[in-house]
Amino acid sequence: MASFASVCRVVTIEAPLILAAAQRAETQRLSLWDALILEASVAAGCRVLVSEDLQHGREYEPGLRVENPYTGLTPTPTRTRRKR
């Protein structure tokens, strides 16, 4: 199996990235943390960002689309305990 570093680009979070994320958070009405994830994804050259928190199918940046891995799954019904 390939190592993480050989298949993923590691992005260092530094001041310019944080400032860009703060701007994105303000203009797109996102939390700072979600905006920072988006900025890091752009910096890493990602085409797909897997997230259950961001809007499924939205292209936040040209070439960067969000996919929710749980979209389309049907919830498992909970069993209720019958009273005796």
N, C-alpha and C. Protein backbone atom coordinates (compact mmCIF):
# COMPACT_ATOMS: atom_id res chain seq x y z
N MET A 1 0.84 -1.18 0.00
CA MET A 1 0.00 0.00 0.00
C MET A 1 0.89 1.25 0.00
N ALA A 2 0.49 2.25 -0.77
CA ALA A 2 1.27 3.48 -0.88
C ALA A 2 1.19 4.29 0.41
N SER A 3 2.25 5.01 0.70
CA SER A 3 2.24 5.84 1.90
C SER A 3 1.36 7.07 1.66
N PHE A 4 0.88 7.64 2.74
CA PHE A 4 0.01 8.82 2.68
C PHE A 4 0.69 9.94 1.89
N ALA A 5 1.94 10.22 2.20
CA ALA A 5 2.66 11.32 1.57
C ALA A 5 2.86 11.09 0.07
N SER A 6 2.85 9.84 -0.37
CA SER A 6 3.06 9.59 -1.79
C SER A 6 1.79 9.80 -2.61
N VAL A 7 0.63 9.81 -1.98
CA VAL A 7 -0.62 10.01 -2.72
C VAL A 7 -1.34 11.30 -2.37
N CYS A 8 -0.92 11.97 -1.31
CA CYS A 8 -1.57 13.21 -0.88
C CYS A 8 -0.52 14.32 -0.72
N ARG A 9 -0.89 15.49 -1.17
CA ARG A 9 -0.01 16.64 -0.98
C ARG A 9 -0.33 17.27 0.35
N VAL A 10 0.66 17.45 1.19
CA VAL A 10 0.49 18.06 2.49
C VAL A 10 0.66 19.57 2.33
N VAL A 11 -0.32 20.33 2.82
CA VAL A 11 -0.29 21.78 2.71
C VAL A 11 -0.01 22.36 4.09
N THR A 12 0.96 23.24 4.16
CA THR A 12 1.28 23.92 5.41
C THR A 12 0.33 25.10 5.59
N ILE A 13 -0.28 25.18 6.75
CA ILE A 13 -1.19 26.27 7.05
C ILE A 13 -0.38 27.45 7.58
N GLU A 14 -0.28 28.49 6.76
CA GLU A 14 0.47 29.68 7.13
C GLU A 14 -0.43 30.90 6.95
N ALA A 15 0.09 32.05 7.34
CA ALA A 15 -0.70 33.29 7.36
C ALA A 15 -1.46 33.58 6.06
N PRO A 16 -0.84 33.49 4.87
CA PRO A 16 -1.60 33.80 3.65
C PRO A 16 -2.82 32.89 3.45
N LEU A 17 -2.67 31.63 3.80
CA LEU A 17 -3.78 30.69 3.66
C LEU A 17 -4.89 31.03 4.66
N ILE A 18 -4.52 31.38 5.86
CA ILE A 18 -5.50 31.76 6.88
C ILE A 18 -6.23 33.03 6.48
N LEU A 19 -5.51 34.00 5.94
CA LEU A 19 -6.14 35.25 5.50
C LEU A 19 -7.10 35.01 4.34
N ALA A 20 -6.71 34.15 3.41
CA ALA A 20 -7.59 33.80 2.29
C ALA A 20 -8.83 33.10 2.80
N ALA A 21 -8.66 32.23 3.79
CA ALA A 21 -9.80 31.52 4.38
C ALA A 21 -10.73 32.49 5.10
N ALA A 22 -10.17 33.46 5.80
CA ALA A 22 -11.00 34.46 6.48
C ALA A 22 -11.82 35.25 5.48
N GLN A 23 -11.21 35.59 4.35
CA GLN A 23 -11.95 36.31 3.30
C GLN A 23 -13.05 35.44 2.73
N ARG A 24 -12.74 34.17 2.46
CA ARG A 24 -13.74 33.24 1.92
C ARG A 24 -14.88 33.04 2.92
N ALA A 25 -14.54 32.92 4.19
CA ALA A 25 -15.56 32.73 5.23
C ALA A 25 -16.54 33.89 5.23
N GLU A 26 -16.00 35.09 5.08
CA GLU A 26 -16.85 36.28 5.10
C GLU A 26 -17.71 36.38 3.84
N THR A 27 -17.10 36.18 2.68
CA THR A 27 -17.84 36.36 1.43
C THR A 27 -18.82 35.23 1.13
N GLN A 28 -18.48 34.01 1.56
CA GLN A 28 -19.35 32.87 1.26
C GLN A 28 -20.15 32.40 2.48
N ARG A 29 -20.04 33.15 3.57
CA ARG A 29 -20.77 32.84 4.80
C ARG A 29 -20.52 31.41 5.28
N LEU A 30 -19.24 31.10 5.44
CA LEU A 30 -18.82 29.79 5.93
C LEU A 30 -18.15 29.98 7.28
N SER A 31 -18.03 28.89 8.03
CA SER A 31 -17.21 28.96 9.23
C SER A 31 -15.75 29.10 8.80
N LEU A 32 -14.94 29.66 9.66
CA LEU A 32 -13.52 29.82 9.34
C LEU A 32 -12.89 28.45 9.06
N TRP A 33 -13.29 27.45 9.83
CA TRP A 33 -12.69 26.12 9.67
C TRP A 33 -13.06 25.49 8.33
N ASP A 34 -14.33 25.63 7.91
CA ASP A 34 -14.73 25.11 6.60
C ASP A 34 -14.00 25.86 5.49
N ALA A 35 -13.88 27.18 5.63
CA ALA A 35 -13.18 27.97 4.62
C ALA A 35 -11.70 27.59 4.56
N LEU A 36 -11.11 27.29 5.71
CA LEU A 36 -9.70 26.88 5.74
C LEU A 36 -9.52 25.52 5.05
N ILE A 37 -10.45 24.63 5.25
CA ILE A 37 -10.41 23.33 4.55
C ILE A 37 -10.50 23.54 3.05
N LEU A 38 -11.39 24.43 2.62
CA LEU A 38 -11.52 24.72 1.19
C LEU A 38 -10.23 25.34 0.63
N GLU A 39 -9.66 26.30 1.34
CA GLU A 39 -8.43 26.94 0.87
C GLU A 39 -7.28 25.94 0.79
N ALA A 40 -7.17 25.07 1.78
CA ALA A 40 -6.12 24.05 1.75
C ALA A 40 -6.34 23.08 0.60
N SER A 41 -7.59 22.76 0.32
CA SER A 41 -7.90 21.87 -0.80
C SER A 41 -7.52 22.50 -2.13
N VAL A 42 -7.80 23.79 -2.28
CA VAL A 42 -7.41 24.50 -3.50
C VAL A 42 -5.89 24.51 -3.62
N ALA A 43 -5.20 24.83 -2.53
CA ALA A 43 -3.74 24.89 -2.53
C ALA A 43 -3.11 23.53 -2.88
N ALA A 44 -3.78 22.45 -2.48
CA ALA A 44 -3.27 21.11 -2.74
C ALA A 44 -3.62 20.61 -4.13
N GLY A 45 -4.46 21.37 -4.84
CA GLY A 45 -4.83 20.97 -6.19
C GLY A 45 -5.91 19.90 -6.23
N CYS A 46 -6.72 19.82 -5.19
CA CYS A 46 -7.78 18.81 -5.14
C CYS A 46 -8.87 19.12 -6.16
N ARG A 47 -9.48 18.08 -6.69
CA ARG A 47 -10.63 18.23 -7.58
C ARG A 47 -11.91 17.90 -6.85
N VAL A 48 -11.82 17.02 -5.84
CA VAL A 48 -12.99 16.61 -5.07
C VAL A 48 -12.66 16.73 -3.60
N LEU A 49 -13.57 17.32 -2.84
CA LEU A 49 -13.44 17.43 -1.39
C LEU A 49 -14.59 16.63 -0.78
N VAL A 50 -14.26 15.62 -0.01
CA VAL A 50 -15.27 14.78 0.62
C VAL A 50 -15.59 15.38 1.99
N SER A 51 -16.86 15.78 2.16
CA SER A 51 -17.27 16.43 3.41
C SER A 51 -18.76 16.21 3.61
N GLU A 52 -19.13 15.96 4.86
CA GLU A 52 -20.55 15.86 5.17
C GLU A 52 -21.10 17.21 5.64
N ASP A 53 -20.21 18.20 5.85
CA ASP A 53 -20.61 19.49 6.37
C ASP A 53 -20.89 20.53 5.28
N LEU A 54 -20.19 20.45 4.17
CA LEU A 54 -20.36 21.41 3.10
C LEU A 54 -21.42 20.93 2.12
N GLN A 55 -21.95 21.84 1.31
CA GLN A 55 -23.06 21.54 0.41
C GLN A 55 -22.65 20.55 -0.68
N HIS A 56 -23.35 19.41 -0.70
CA HIS A 56 -23.06 18.35 -1.68
C HIS A 56 -23.26 18.87 -3.10
N GLY A 57 -22.26 18.59 -3.95
CA GLY A 57 -22.36 18.94 -5.37
C GLY A 57 -21.93 20.36 -5.69
N ARG A 58 -21.75 21.19 -4.68
CA ARG A 58 -21.38 22.59 -4.93
C ARG A 58 -19.92 22.67 -5.38
N GLU A 59 -19.69 23.54 -6.35
CA GLU A 59 -18.34 23.82 -6.81
C GLU A 59 -17.94 25.16 -6.21
N TYR A 60 -17.19 25.12 -5.12
CA TYR A 60 -16.81 26.33 -4.40
C TYR A 60 -15.74 27.12 -5.15
N GLU A 61 -15.02 26.43 -5.97
CA GLU A 61 -13.93 27.01 -6.74
C GLU A 61 -13.92 26.25 -8.06
N PRO A 62 -13.64 26.92 -9.19
CA PRO A 62 -13.61 26.17 -10.45
C PRO A 62 -12.68 24.96 -10.33
N GLY A 63 -13.25 23.79 -10.55
CA GLY A 63 -12.45 22.57 -10.49
C GLY A 63 -12.42 21.89 -9.13
N LEU A 64 -13.10 22.46 -8.12
CA LEU A 64 -13.16 21.83 -6.79
C LEU A 64 -14.62 21.63 -6.41
N ARG A 65 -15.04 20.38 -6.40
CA ARG A 65 -16.43 20.03 -6.11
C ARG A 65 -16.50 19.27 -4.79
N VAL A 66 -17.56 19.52 -4.04
CA VAL A 66 -17.78 18.84 -2.76
C VAL A 66 -18.68 17.64 -2.97
N GLU A 67 -18.30 16.53 -2.37
CA GLU A 67 -19.15 15.33 -2.39
C GLU A 67 -19.36 14.86 -0.97
N ASN A 68 -20.63 14.65 -0.63
CA ASN A 68 -20.99 14.12 0.68
C ASN A 68 -21.10 12.61 0.55
N PRO A 69 -20.28 11.87 1.29
CA PRO A 69 -20.31 10.41 1.14
C PRO A 69 -21.60 9.78 1.66
N TYR A 70 -22.39 10.55 2.40
CA TYR A 70 -23.62 10.01 2.99
C TYR A 70 -24.87 10.37 2.21
N THR A 71 -24.74 11.17 1.17
CA THR A 71 -25.89 11.55 0.37
C THR A 71 -26.44 10.32 -0.34
N GLY A 72 -27.73 10.16 -0.26
CA GLY A 72 -28.37 9.03 -0.92
C GLY A 72 -28.49 7.79 -0.07
N LEU A 73 -27.85 7.77 1.08
CA LEU A 73 -27.99 6.62 1.97
C LEU A 73 -29.29 6.75 2.74
N THR A 74 -29.97 5.66 2.89
CA THR A 74 -31.20 5.70 3.68
C THR A 74 -30.86 5.34 5.12
N PRO A 75 -31.40 6.12 6.06
CA PRO A 75 -31.10 5.82 7.45
C PRO A 75 -31.69 4.48 7.88
N THR A 76 -31.00 3.82 8.76
CA THR A 76 -31.48 2.56 9.31
C THR A 76 -32.57 2.86 10.32
N PRO A 77 -33.72 2.25 10.18
CA PRO A 77 -34.79 2.52 11.14
C PRO A 77 -34.38 2.07 12.55
N THR A 78 -34.76 2.84 13.51
CA THR A 78 -34.45 2.45 14.90
C THR A 78 -35.57 1.55 15.40
N ARG A 79 -35.16 0.58 16.17
CA ARG A 79 -36.16 -0.34 16.75
C ARG A 79 -36.68 0.28 18.04
N THR A 80 -37.96 0.22 18.17
CA THR A 80 -38.56 0.70 19.41
C THR A 80 -38.87 -0.50 20.29
N ARG A 81 -38.66 -0.32 21.54
CA ARG A 81 -38.93 -1.40 22.50
C ARG A 81 -40.43 -1.43 22.80
N ARG A 82 -40.99 -2.60 22.69
CA ARG A 82 -42.42 -2.73 22.99
C ARG A 82 -42.62 -2.80 24.49
N LYS A 83 -43.64 -2.12 24.94
CA LYS A 83 -43.95 -2.15 26.37
C LYS A 83 -44.62 -3.48 26.69
N ARG A 84 -44.31 -3.98 27.86
CA ARG A 84 -44.91 -5.25 28.30
C ARG A 84 -46.03 -5.02 29.23
